[in-house]
PDB file of N, CA and C in Angstrom:
ATOM      1  N   MET A   1     -93.835  11.267  31.763  1.00  0.00           N
ATOM      2  CA  MET A   1     -92.586  10.568  31.465  1.00  0.00           C
ATOM      3  C   MET A   1     -92.562  10.077  32.937  1.00  0.00           C
ATOM      4  N   THR A   2     -92.237   8.781  32.475  1.00  0.00           N
ATOM      5  CA  THR A   2     -91.256   7.858  34.064  1.00  0.00           C
ATOM      6  C   THR A   2     -90.523   7.454  33.183  1.00  0.00           C
ATOM      7  N   VAL A   3     -89.586   7.154  34.370  1.00  0.00           N
ATOM      8  CA  VAL A   3     -88.017   6.190  34.614  1.00  0.00           C
ATOM      9  C   VAL A   3     -88.291   5.321  33.365  1.00  0.00           C
ATOM     10  N   GLU A   4     -89.215   4.488  33.888  1.00  0.00           N
ATOM     11  CA  GLU A   4     -88.725   2.798  32.998  1.00  0.00           C
ATOM     12  C   GLU A   4     -89.146   3.242  31.901  1.00  0.00           C
ATOM     13  N   HIS A   5     -90.091   4.088  31.487  1.00  0.00           N
ATOM     14  CA  HIS A   5     -90.392   4.726  30.040  1.00  0.00           C
ATOM     15  C   HIS A   5     -89.123   5.047  29.476  1.00  0.00           C
ATOM     16  N   VAL A   6     -88.436   5.741  30.258  1.00  0.00           N
ATOM     17  CA  VAL A   6     -87.330   6.656  29.204  1.00  0.00           C
ATOM     18  C   VAL A   6     -85.998   5.195  28.809  1.00  0.00           C
ATOM     19  N   ILE A   7     -86.544   4.618  30.252  1.00  0.00           N
ATOM     20  CA  ILE A   7     -85.128   3.353  30.390  1.00  0.00           C
ATOM     21  C   ILE A   7     -85.650   2.656  29.289  1.00  0.00           C
ATOM     22  N   ASP A   8     -87.060   2.105  29.100  1.00  0.00           N
ATOM     23  CA  ASP A   8     -86.761   1.216  27.859  1.00  0.00           C
ATOM     24  C   ASP A   8     -87.186   1.618  26.473  1.00  0.00           C
ATOM     25  N   ASP A   9     -86.919   2.965  26.196  1.00  0.00           N
ATOM     26  CA  ASP A   9     -86.768   3.555  25.121  1.00  0.00           C
ATOM     27  C   ASP A   9     -84.931   3.623  24.637  1.00  0.00           C
ATOM     28  N   LEU A  10     -84.398   3.786  25.878  1.00  0.00           N
ATOM     29  CA  LEU A  10     -83.179   3.984  25.806  1.00  0.00           C
ATOM     30  C   LEU A  10     -82.580   2.057  25.002  1.00  0.00           C
ATOM     31  N   ILE A  11     -82.863   1.192  25.649  1.00  0.00           N
ATOM     32  CA  ILE A  11     -83.142   0.003  25.489  1.00  0.00           C
ATOM     33  C   ILE A  11     -83.749  -0.339  24.239  1.00  0.00           C
ATOM     34  N   ASN A  12     -84.299   0.134  23.754  1.00  0.00           N
ATOM     35  CA  ASN A  12     -85.032  -0.544  22.512  1.00  0.00           C
ATOM     36  C   ASN A  12     -83.488   0.505  21.552  1.00  0.00           C
ATOM     37  N   ASN A  13     -83.397   1.608  21.616  1.00  0.00           N
ATOM     38  CA  ASN A  13     -82.687   2.660  20.990  1.00  0.00           C
ATOM     39  C   ASN A  13     -81.162   1.602  20.850  1.00  0.00           C
ATOM     40  N   LEU A  14     -80.222   1.352  21.716  1.00  0.00           N
ATOM     41  CA  LEU A  14     -79.401   0.818  22.235  1.00  0.00           C
ATOM     42  C   LEU A  14     -79.311  -0.907  22.016  1.00  0.00           C
ATOM     43  N   GLU A  15     -80.347  -2.097  21.243  1.00  0.00           N
ATOM     44  CA  GLU A  15     -80.322  -2.860  21.224  1.00  0.00           C
ATOM     45  C   GLU A  15     -78.994  -3.436  20.747  1.00  0.00           C
ATOM     46  N   GLU A  16     -78.220  -2.921  20.042  1.00  0.00           N
ATOM     47  CA  GLU A  16     -77.149  -3.442  19.137  1.00  0.00           C
ATOM     48  C   GLU A  16     -75.992  -2.443  19.932  1.00  0.00           C
ATOM     49  N   ILE A  17     -74.761  -2.699  19.502  1.00  0.00           N
ATOM     50  CA  ILE A  17     -73.736  -2.390  20.225  1.00  0.00           C
ATOM     51  C   ILE A  17     -73.242  -1.301  18.911  1.00  0.00           C
ATOM     52  N   PRO A  18     -73.294   0.199  19.768  1.00  0.00           N
ATOM     53  CA  PRO A  18     -72.558   1.116  18.380  1.00  0.00           C
ATOM     54  C   PRO A  18     -71.162   0.950  18.302  1.00  0.00           C
ATOM     55  N   PRO A  19     -70.960   1.058  17.621  1.00  0.00           N
ATOM     56  CA  PRO A  19     -69.468   1.209  16.793  1.00  0.00           C
ATOM     57  C   PRO A  19     -68.411   1.356  17.566  1.00  0.00           C
ATOM     58  N   GLU A  20     -68.663   2.532  18.310  1.00  0.00           N
ATOM     59  CA  GLU A  20     -68.099   3.680  19.651  1.00  0.00           C
ATOM     60  C   GLU A  20     -67.541   2.745  20.777  1.00  0.00           C
ATOM     61  N   LEU A  21     -68.924   1.452  21.086  1.00  0.00           N
ATOM     62  CA  LEU A  21     -68.474   0.801  21.993  1.00  0.00           C
ATOM     63  C   LEU A  21     -67.589  -0.272  21.590  1.00  0.00           C
ATOM     64  N   ALA A  22     -67.466  -0.832  20.652  1.00  0.00           N
ATOM     65  CA  ALA A  22     -66.852  -1.985  20.096  1.00  0.00           C
ATOM     66  C   ALA A  22     -65.882  -2.508  21.159  1.00  0.00           C
ATOM     67  N   ASP A  23     -64.761  -2.199  21.245  1.00  0.00           N
ATOM     68  CA  ASP A  23     -63.826  -2.584  21.826  1.00  0.00           C
ATOM     69  C   ASP A  23     -64.060  -2.204  23.606  1.00  0.00           C
ATOM     70  N   MET A  24     -65.188  -1.697  24.068  1.00  0.00           N
ATOM     71  CA  MET A  24     -64.939  -1.608  25.334  1.00  0.00           C
ATOM     72  C   MET A  24     -65.704  -2.986  25.851  1.00  0.00           C
ATOM     73  N   SER A  25     -64.974  -2.654  27.307  1.00  0.00           N
ATOM     74  CA  SER A  25     -65.640  -3.851  28.591  1.00  0.00           C
ATOM     75  C   SER A  25     -66.174  -3.027  29.739  1.00  0.00           C
ATOM     76  N   ALA A  26     -67.360  -3.215  29.921  1.00  0.00           N
ATOM     77  CA  ALA A  26     -67.371  -1.988  31.052  1.00  0.00           C
ATOM     78  C   ALA A  26     -69.145  -2.706  31.676  1.00  0.00           C
ATOM     79  N   ILE A  27     -69.026  -2.034  33.283  1.00  0.00           N
ATOM     80  CA  ILE A  27     -70.755  -2.540  33.911  1.00  0.00           C
ATOM     81  C   ILE A  27     -71.031  -1.451  34.037  1.00  0.00           C
ATOM     82  N   TYR A  28     -71.833  -0.790  33.440  1.00  0.00           N
ATOM     83  CA  TYR A  28     -72.230   0.703  33.981  1.00  0.00           C
ATOM     84  C   TYR A  28     -73.532   0.311  35.306  1.00  0.00           C
ATOM     85  N   GLU A  29     -74.125   1.054  36.054  1.00  0.00           N
ATOM     86  CA  GLU A  29     -75.400   0.597  36.499  1.00  0.00           C
ATOM     87  C   GLU A  29     -75.896   2.367  37.276  1.00  0.00           C
ATOM     88  N   LEU A  30     -76.782   2.347  36.950  1.00  0.00           N
ATOM     89  CA  LEU A  30     -78.031   3.610  36.772  1.00  0.00           C
ATOM     90  C   LEU A  30     -78.383   3.182  38.055  1.00  0.00           C
ATOM     91  N   ARG A  31     -78.321   3.842  39.259  1.00  0.00           N
ATOM     92  CA  ARG A  31     -78.894   3.913  40.409  1.00  0.00           C
ATOM     93  C   ARG A  31     -79.928   4.890  40.516  1.00  0.00           C
ATOM     94  N   ILE A  32     -80.955   4.980  40.404  1.00  0.00           N
ATOM     95  CA  ILE A  32     -82.394   6.150  40.409  1.00  0.00           C
ATOM     96  C   ILE A  32     -83.036   6.424  41.883  1.00  0.00           C
ATOM     97  N   SER A  33     -82.977   7.017  42.396  1.00  0.00           N
ATOM     98  CA  SER A  33     -83.652   7.211  43.986  1.00  0.00           C
ATOM     99  C   SER A  33     -84.609   7.610  43.934  1.00  0.00           C
ATOM    100  N   GLY A  34     -85.652   7.890  44.699  1.00  0.00           N
ATOM    101  CA  GLY A  34     -87.124   8.959  44.695  1.00  0.00           C
ATOM    102  C   GLY A  34     -88.100   7.544  44.642  1.00  0.00           C
ATOM    103  N   HIS A  35     -89.454   8.479  44.072  1.00  0.00           N
ATOM    104  CA  HIS A  35     -90.194   7.834  44.415  1.00  0.00           C
ATOM    105  C   HIS A  35     -90.454   6.695  42.961  1.00  0.00           C
ATOM    106  N   GLN A  36     -89.452   6.995  41.836  1.00  0.00           N
ATOM    107  CA  GLN A  36     -89.346   5.878  41.363  1.00  0.00           C
ATOM    108  C   GLN A  36     -88.175   5.390  41.160  1.00  0.00           C
ATOM    109  N   ALA A  37     -87.828   4.976  42.080  1.00  0.00           N
ATOM    110  CA  ALA A  37     -86.276   4.398  42.367  1.00  0.00           C
ATOM    111  C   ALA A  37     -86.136   3.116  41.498  1.00  0.00           C
ATOM    112  N   VAL A  38     -85.487   2.647  40.950  1.00  0.00           N
ATOM    113  CA  VAL A  38     -84.980   1.563  40.100  1.00  0.00           C
ATOM    114  C   VAL A  38     -83.505   1.625  39.478  1.00  0.00           C
ATOM    115  N   THR A  39     -82.663   0.765  39.594  1.00  0.00           N
ATOM    116  CA  THR A  39     -81.427  -0.143  39.461  1.00  0.00           C
ATOM    117  C   THR A  39     -81.150  -0.728  37.933  1.00  0.00           C
ATOM    118  N   TYR A  40     -80.441   0.084  36.768  1.00  0.00           N
ATOM    119  CA  TYR A  40     -80.376  -0.688  35.841  1.00  0.00           C
ATOM    120  C   TYR A  40     -79.113  -1.255  35.952  1.00  0.00           C
ATOM    121  N   GLN A  41     -78.708  -2.308  34.871  1.00  0.00           N
ATOM    122  CA  GLN A  41     -77.040  -2.129  34.258  1.00  0.00           C
ATOM    123  C   GLN A  41     -76.818  -2.544  33.355  1.00  0.00           C
ATOM    124  N   LEU A  42     -75.859  -1.777  32.600  1.00  0.00           N
ATOM    125  CA  LEU A  42     -75.444  -2.574  30.792  1.00  0.00           C
ATOM    126  C   LEU A  42     -74.700  -2.566  31.295  1.00  0.00           C
ATOM    127  N   LYS A  43     -74.108  -4.219  30.443  1.00  0.00           N
ATOM    128  CA  LYS A  43     -73.335  -4.767  30.733  1.00  0.00           C
ATOM    129  C   LYS A  43     -72.741  -4.457  28.940  1.00  0.00           C
ATOM    130  N   ILE A  44     -71.178  -4.288  28.769  1.00  0.00           N
ATOM    131  CA  ILE A  44     -70.392  -4.449  27.306  1.00  0.00           C
ATOM    132  C   ILE A  44     -69.012  -5.179  27.554  1.00  0.00           C
ATOM    133  N   GLU A  45     -69.699  -5.973  26.689  1.00  0.00           N
ATOM    134  CA  GLU A  45     -68.532  -6.811  26.971  1.00  0.00           C
ATOM    135  C   GLU A  45     -68.272  -7.609  25.566  1.00  0.00           C
ATOM    136  N   ASN A  46     -67.331  -8.241  24.840  1.00  0.00           N
ATOM    137  CA  ASN A  46     -67.035  -9.384  23.789  1.00  0.00           C
ATOM    138  C   ASN A  46     -68.124  -8.620  22.864  1.00  0.00           C
ATOM    139  N   GLN A  47     -68.386  -7.715  22.333  1.00  0.00           N
ATOM    140  CA  GLN A  47     -69.339  -6.533  21.670  1.00  0.00           C
ATOM    141  C   GLN A  47     -70.545  -6.897  21.486  1.00  0.00           C
ATOM    142  N   GLU A  48     -71.199  -7.297  22.786  1.00  0.00           N
ATOM    143  CA  GLU A  48     -72.350  -7.713  22.942  1.00  0.00           C
ATOM    144  C   GLU A  48     -72.885  -6.319  24.194  1.00  0.00           C
ATOM    145  N   LEU A  49     -74.321  -6.031  24.062  1.00  0.00           N
ATOM    146  CA  LEU A  49     -75.005  -5.120  25.220  1.00  0.00           C
ATOM    147  C   LEU A  49     -75.824  -6.262  26.088  1.00  0.00           C
ATOM    148  N   GLU A  50     -76.022  -5.797  27.222  1.00  0.00           N
ATOM    149  CA  GLU A  50     -76.735  -6.490  28.295  1.00  0.00           C
ATOM    150  C   GLU A  50     -77.499  -5.606  28.950  1.00  0.00           C
ATOM    151  N   TRP A  51     -78.632  -5.520  29.349  1.00  0.00           N
ATOM    152  CA  TRP A  51     -79.735  -4.874  30.088  1.00  0.00           C
ATOM    153  C   TRP A  51     -80.199  -5.380  30.614  1.00  0.00           C
ATOM    154  N   VAL A  52     -80.085  -5.017  32.429  1.00  0.00           N
ATOM    155  CA  VAL A  52     -80.097  -6.030  33.535  1.00  0.00           C
ATOM    156  C   VAL A  52     -81.323  -5.345  34.371  1.00  0.00           C
ATOM    157  N   LYS A  53     -82.425  -5.403  35.047  1.00  0.00           N
ATOM    158  CA  LYS A  53     -83.241  -4.526  35.945  1.00  0.00           C
ATOM    159  C   LYS A  53     -82.207  -4.955  36.958  1.00  0.00           C
ATOM    160  N   GLY A  54     -81.709  -4.675  38.291  1.00  0.00           N
ATOM    161  CA  GLY A  54     -81.293  -5.209  39.282  1.00  0.00           C
ATOM    162  C   GLY A  54     -79.722  -5.087  39.266  1.00  0.00           C
ATOM    163  N   THR A  55     -79.095  -5.997  40.229  1.00  0.00           N
ATOM    164  CA  THR A  55     -77.741  -5.591  39.866  1.00  0.00           C
ATOM    165  C   THR A  55     -76.791  -7.217  40.438  1.00  0.00           C
ATOM    166  N   PRO A  56     -77.039  -7.910  38.952  1.00  0.00           N
ATOM    167  CA  PRO A  56     -76.429  -9.041  39.264  1.00  0.00           C
ATOM    168  C   PRO A  56     -74.775  -8.948  38.711  1.00  0.00           C
ATOM    169  N   PHE A  57     -73.913  -8.100  38.281  1.00  0.00           N
ATOM    170  CA  PHE A  57     -72.752  -7.361  38.051  1.00  0.00           C
ATOM    171  C   PHE A  57     -72.089  -7.012  38.728  1.00  0.00           C
ATOM    172  N   MET A  58     -70.927  -6.766  39.255  1.00  0.00           N
ATOM    173  CA  MET A  58     -70.341  -6.476  39.605  1.00  0.00           C
ATOM    174  C   MET A  58     -69.474  -4.652  38.812  1.00  0.00           C
ATOM    175  N   PRO A  59     -70.591  -3.740  38.867  1.00  0.00           N
ATOM    176  CA  PRO A  59     -70.050  -2.363  37.729  1.00  0.00           C
ATOM    177  C   PRO A  59     -68.836  -1.895  38.326  1.00  0.00           C
ATOM    178  N   THR A  60     -68.229  -1.472  37.276  1.00  0.00           N
ATOM    179  CA  THR A  60     -67.314  -0.786  36.939  1.00  0.00           C
ATOM    180  C   THR A  60     -67.490   0.967  36.831  1.00  0.00           C
ATOM    181  N   CYS A  61     -68.555   1.803  36.979  1.00  0.00           N
ATOM    182  CA  CYS A  61     -68.998   2.659  36.703  1.00  0.00           C
ATOM    183  C   CYS A  61     -70.829   2.806  37.210  1.00  0.00           C
ATOM    184  N   ILE A  62     -70.980   3.443  38.188  1.00  0.00           N
ATOM    185  CA  ILE A  62     -72.026   3.714  38.962  1.00  0.00           C
ATOM    186  C   ILE A  62     -72.574   5.353  38.971  1.00  0.00           C
ATOM    187  N   PHE A  63     -73.545   5.656  38.093  1.00  0.00           N
ATOM    188  CA  PHE A  63     -74.467   6.659  38.180  1.00  0.00           C
ATOM    189  C   PHE A  63     -75.519   6.874  39.296  1.00  0.00           C
ATOM    190  N   LEU A  64     -75.451   7.696  40.086  1.00  0.00           N
ATOM    191  CA  LEU A  64     -76.310   8.018  41.925  1.00  0.00           C
ATOM    192  C   LEU A  64     -77.082   9.592  40.882  1.00  0.00           C
ATOM    193  N   LEU A  65     -78.169   9.070  40.761  1.00  0.00           N
ATOM    194  CA  LEU A  65     -79.508  10.373  40.806  1.00  0.00           C
ATOM    195  C   LEU A  65     -80.236  10.661  41.369  1.00  0.00           C
ATOM    196  N   ALA A  66     -81.272  11.426  41.180  1.00  0.00           N
ATOM    197  CA  ALA A  66     -82.829  11.030  41.978  1.00  0.00           C
ATOM    198  C   ALA A  66     -83.325  11.024  40.620  1.00  0.00           C
ATOM    199  N   ASP A  67     -84.828  10.529  40.490  1.00  0.00           N
ATOM    200  CA  ASP A  67     -85.164  10.232  39.329  1.00  0.00           C
ATOM    201  C   ASP A  67     -86.106  11.757  38.874  1.00  0.00           C
ATOM    202  N   THR A  68     -85.872  12.783  39.614  1.00  0.00           N
ATOM    203  CA  THR A  68     -86.204  14.359  39.005  1.00  0.00           C
ATOM    204  C   THR A  68     -85.452  15.244  38.012  1.00  0.00           C
ATOM    205  N   ASP A  69     -83.884  14.648  38.785  1.00  0.00           N
ATOM    206  CA  ASP A  69     -82.688  14.968  38.038  1.00  0.00           C
ATOM    207  C   ASP A  69     -82.398  13.697  36.864  1.00  0.00           C
ATOM    208  N   PHE A  70     -82.771  12.514  36.813  1.00  0.00           N
ATOM    209  CA  PHE A  70     -82.955  11.727  35.362  1.00  0.00           C
ATOM    210  C   PHE A  70     -83.532  12.205  34.375  1.00  0.00           C
ATOM    211  N   LEU A  71     -84.802  12.693  35.296  1.00  0.00           N
ATOM    212  CA  LEU A  71     -86.325  12.558  34.039  1.00  0.00           C
ATOM    213  C   LEU A  71     -85.646  14.674  33.232  1.00  0.00           C
ATOM    214  N   THR A  72     -85.375  15.126  34.100  1.00  0.00           N
ATOM    215  CA  THR A  72     -84.849  16.343  33.796  1.00  0.00           C
ATOM    216  C   THR A  72     -83.988  16.268  32.507  1.00  0.00           C
ATOM    217  N   MET A  73     -82.731  15.624  32.798  1.00  0.00           N
ATOM    218  CA  MET A  73     -81.336  15.132  31.896  1.00  0.00           C
ATOM    219  C   MET A  73     -82.126  14.865  31.038  1.00  0.00           C
ATOM    220  N   VAL A  74     -82.911  13.668  30.940  1.00  0.00           N
ATOM    221  CA  VAL A  74     -83.339  13.326  29.385  1.00  0.00           C
ATOM    222  C   VAL A  74     -83.773  13.857  28.244  1.00  0.00           C
ATOM    223  N   ALA A  75     -84.914  15.059  29.479  1.00  0.00           N
ATOM    224  CA  ALA A  75     -85.728  15.993  28.440  1.00  0.00           C
ATOM    225  C   ALA A  75     -84.464  17.374  28.156  1.00  0.00           C
ATOM    226  N   GLY A  76     -83.565  17.137  28.045  1.00  0.00           N
ATOM    227  CA  GLY A  76     -82.353  18.181  27.532  1.00  0.00           C
ATOM    228  C   GLY A  76     -82.275  19.359  28.592  1.00  0.00           C
ATOM    229  N   GLU A  77     -83.452  19.648  30.060  1.00  0.00           N
ATOM    230  CA  GLU A  77     -83.130  20.183  30.548  1.00  0.00           C
ATOM    231  C   GLU A  77     -82.546  20.747  31.808  1.00  0.00           C
ATOM    232  N   LEU A  78     -81.595  19.588  31.769  1.00  0.00           N
ATOM    233  CA  LEU A  78     -80.536  19.440  32.466  1.00  0.00           C
ATOM    234  C   LEU A  78     -78.759  19.197  31.992  1.00  0.00           C
ATOM    235  N   ASN A  79     -77.765  19.823  32.570  1.00  0.00           N
ATOM    236  CA  ASN A  79     -77.031  19.624  31.573  1.00  0.00           C
ATOM    237  C   ASN A  79     -75.947  18.555  32.491  1.00  0.00           C
ATOM    238  N   PRO A  80     -75.616  17.656  31.998  1.00  0.00           N
ATOM    239  CA  PRO A  80     -75.390  16.462  33.041  1.00  0.00           C
ATOM    240  C   PRO A  80     -73.533  16.725  34.083  1.00  0.00           C
ATOM    241  N   LYS A  81     -73.048  17.432  32.629  1.00  0.00           N
ATOM    242  CA  LYS A  81     -71.507  17.576  33.219  1.00  0.00           C
ATOM    243  C   LYS A  81     -71.874  19.168  34.165  1.00  0.00           C
ATOM    244  N   LEU A  82     -72.998  19.539  34.265  1.00  0.00           N
ATOM    245  CA  LEU A  82     -73.229  20.755  35.233  1.00  0.00           C
ATOM    246  C   LEU A  82     -73.942  20.132  36.851  1.00  0.00           C
ATOM    247  N   ALA A  83     -74.452  19.006  36.374  1.00  0.00           N
ATOM    248  CA  ALA A  83     -75.764  18.483  37.131  1.00  0.00           C
ATOM    249  C   ALA A  83     -74.447  17.307  37.997  1.00  0.00           C
ATOM    250  N   ILE A  84     -73.218  17.368  37.451  1.00  0.00           N
ATOM    251  CA  ILE A  84     -72.187  16.123  38.205  1.00  0.00           C
ATOM    252  C   ILE A  84     -71.382  17.386  39.132  1.00  0.00           C
ATOM    253  N   MET A  85     -70.867  18.323  38.684  1.00  0.00           N
ATOM    254  CA  MET A  85     -70.253  19.508  39.233  1.00  0.00           C
ATOM    255  C   MET A  85     -71.113  20.079  40.690  1.00  0.00           C
ATOM    256  N   LYS A  86     -72.261  20.104  40.469  1.00  0.00           N
ATOM    257  CA  LYS A  86     -73.440  20.556  41.817  1.00  0.00           C
ATOM    258  C   LYS A  86     -73.728  19.247  42.651  1.00  0.00           C
ATOM    259  N   GLY A  87     -73.291  17.994  42.196  1.00  0.00           N
ATOM    260  CA  GLY A  87     -73.597  17.153  43.081  1.00  0.00           C
ATOM    261  C   GLY A  87     -74.913  16.695  42.944  1.00  0.00           C
ATOM    262  N   GLN A  88     -75.740  17.106  41.564  1.00  0.00           N
ATOM    263  CA  GLN A  88     -76.696  16.175  41.582  1.00  0.00           C
ATOM    264  C   GLN A  88     -76.735  14.872  40.830  1.00  0.00           C
ATOM    265  N   ILE A  89     -75.715  14.546  40.176  1.00  0.00           N
ATOM    266  CA  ILE A  89     -75.055  13.388  39.753  1.00  0.00           C
ATOM    267  C   ILE A  89     -73.760  12.656  40.198  1.00  0.00           C
ATOM    268  N   LYS A  90     -73.755  11.621  40.970  1.00  0.00           N
ATOM    269  CA  LYS A  90     -72.420  11.104  41.260  1.00  0.00           C
ATOM    270  C   LYS A  90     -72.521   9.854  40.293  1.00  0.00           C
ATOM    271  N   ILE A  91     -70.588  10.125  40.302  1.00  0.00           N
ATOM    272  CA  ILE A  91     -70.266   9.087  40.074  1.00  0.00           C
ATOM    273  C   ILE A  91     -69.179   8.311  40.782  1.00  0.00           C
ATOM    274  N   GLN A  92     -69.498   7.208  40.657  1.00  0.00           N
ATOM    275  CA  GLN A  92     -68.379   6.088  41.613  1.00  0.00           C
ATOM    276  C   GLN A  92     -67.639   5.114  40.449  1.00  0.00           C
ATOM    277  N   GLY A  93     -66.570   4.896  40.234  1.00  0.00           N
ATOM    278  CA  GLY A  93     -65.686   3.621  40.018  1.00  0.00           C
ATOM    279  C   GLY A  93     -64.835   4.383  38.223  1.00  0.00           C
ATOM    280  N   ASP A  94     -64.817   4.342  37.119  1.00  0.00           N
ATOM    281  CA  ASP A  94     -64.561   4.793  36.422  1.00  0.00           C
ATOM    282  C   ASP A  94     -64.925   5.888  35.430  1.00  0.00           C
ATOM    283  N   TYR A  95     -64.513   6.741  35.809  1.00  0.00           N
ATOM    284  CA  TYR A  95     -64.757   8.291  35.318  1.00  0.00           C
ATOM    285  C   TYR A  95     -64.606   8.531  34.066  1.00  0.00           C
ATOM    286  N   GLY A  96     -64.052   7.994  32.951  1.00  0.00           N
ATOM    287  CA  GLY A  96     -63.320   8.111  31.458  1.00  0.00           C
ATOM    288  C   GLY A  96     -64.197   6.955  31.186  1.00  0.00           C
ATOM    289  N   GLN A  97     -65.012   5.867  31.752  1.00  0.00           N
ATOM    290  CA  GLN A  97     -66.189   5.374  31.195  1.00  0.00           C
ATOM    291  C   GLN A  97     -67.203   6.474  30.847  1.00  0.00           C
ATOM    292  N   ALA A  98     -67.251   7.202  32.463  1.00  0.00           N
ATOM    293  CA  ALA A  98     -68.917   7.516  32.562  1.00  0.00           C
ATOM    294  C   ALA A  98     -68.838   8.762  31.372  1.00  0.00           C
ATOM    295  N   LEU A  99     -67.551   9.250  30.620  1.00  0.00           N
ATOM    296  CA  LEU A  99     -67.919  10.042  29.772  1.00  0.00           C
ATOM    297  C   LEU A  99     -68.218   9.275  28.586  1.00  0.00           C
ATOM    298  N   GLU A 100     -67.623   8.394  28.184  1.00  0.00           N
ATOM    299  CA  GLU A 100     -67.710   7.499  27.096  1.00  0.00           C
ATOM    300  C   GLU A 100     -68.966   7.199  27.372  1.00  0.00           C
ATOM    301  N   LEU A 101     -69.914   7.083  28.053  1.00  0.00           N
ATOM    302  CA  LEU A 101     -71.324   6.333  28.022  1.00  0.00           C
ATOM    303  C   LEU A 101     -72.041   7.689  27.493  1.00  0.00           C
ATOM    304  N   ASN A 102     -71.492   9.040  28.147  1.00  0.00           N
ATOM    305  CA  ASN A 102     -72.208  10.086  28.189  1.00  0.00           C
ATOM    306  C   ASN A 102     -72.811  10.712  26.458  1.00  0.00           C
ATOM    307  N   ALA A 103     -71.426  10.309  26.246  1.00  0.00           N
ATOM    308  CA  ALA A 103     -71.220  11.215  24.550  1.00  0.00           C
ATOM    309  C   ALA A 103     -72.258   9.698  23.865  1.00  0.00           C
ATOM    310  N   ILE A 104     -71.755   8.612  23.896  1.00  0.00           N
ATOM    311  CA  ILE A 104     -72.503   7.273  23.236  1.00  0.00           C
ATOM    312  C   ILE A 104     -74.468   7.874  23.669  1.00  0.00           C
ATOM    313  N   LEU A 105     -74.727   8.017  24.631  1.00  0.00           N
ATOM    314  CA  LEU A 105     -76.180   8.726  25.456  1.00  0.00           C
ATOM    315  C   LEU A 105     -77.008   9.530  24.296  1.00  0.00           C
ATOM    316  N   LYS A 106     -75.579  10.632  24.042  1.00  0.00           N
ATOM    317  CA  LYS A 106     -76.762  11.972  23.823  1.00  0.00           C
ATOM    318  C   LYS A 106     -76.836  11.699  22.351  1.00  0.00           C
ATOM    319  N   LYS A 107     -75.854  10.448  21.813  1.00  0.00           N
ATOM    320  CA  LYS A 107     -76.124  10.472  20.330  1.00  0.00           C
ATOM    321  C   LYS A 107     -77.160   9.389  20.132  1.00  0.00           C
ATOM    322  N   TYR A 108     -77.436   8.701  21.163  1.00  0.00           N
ATOM    323  CA  TYR A 108     -78.946   7.440  20.712  1.00  0.00           C
ATOM    324  C   TYR A 108     -80.170   7.672  21.424  1.00  0.00           C
ATOM    325  N   TYR A 109     -80.062   8.937  21.991  1.00  0.00           N
ATOM    326  CA  TYR A 109     -80.844   8.959  22.984  1.00  0.00           C
ATOM    327  C   TYR A 109     -81.388  10.203  22.594  1.00  0.00           C
TER     328      TYR A 109
END
């Protein structure tokens, strides 16, 4: 499993905005480092989702983590809250938005 494959699956699972995010306005940035380094942004605005590779928007919440930690987390082998406490995942910006996105990702991926 590669980082790009997981993100492609996530994009396919979140093509339409979940009801939980309908009133939200945020720009999430996922910065993955390591051998499979990549950056994606998820823009939630006006009840629409837009995924982009790269950084065209000013993020409101940034997740920084290594590719190995990302893959371990999506496989269910790494608890995101524990990883944040241990510094494996760093969050910059709106921490409340980070918690909201985590709940949605658990439900849809």
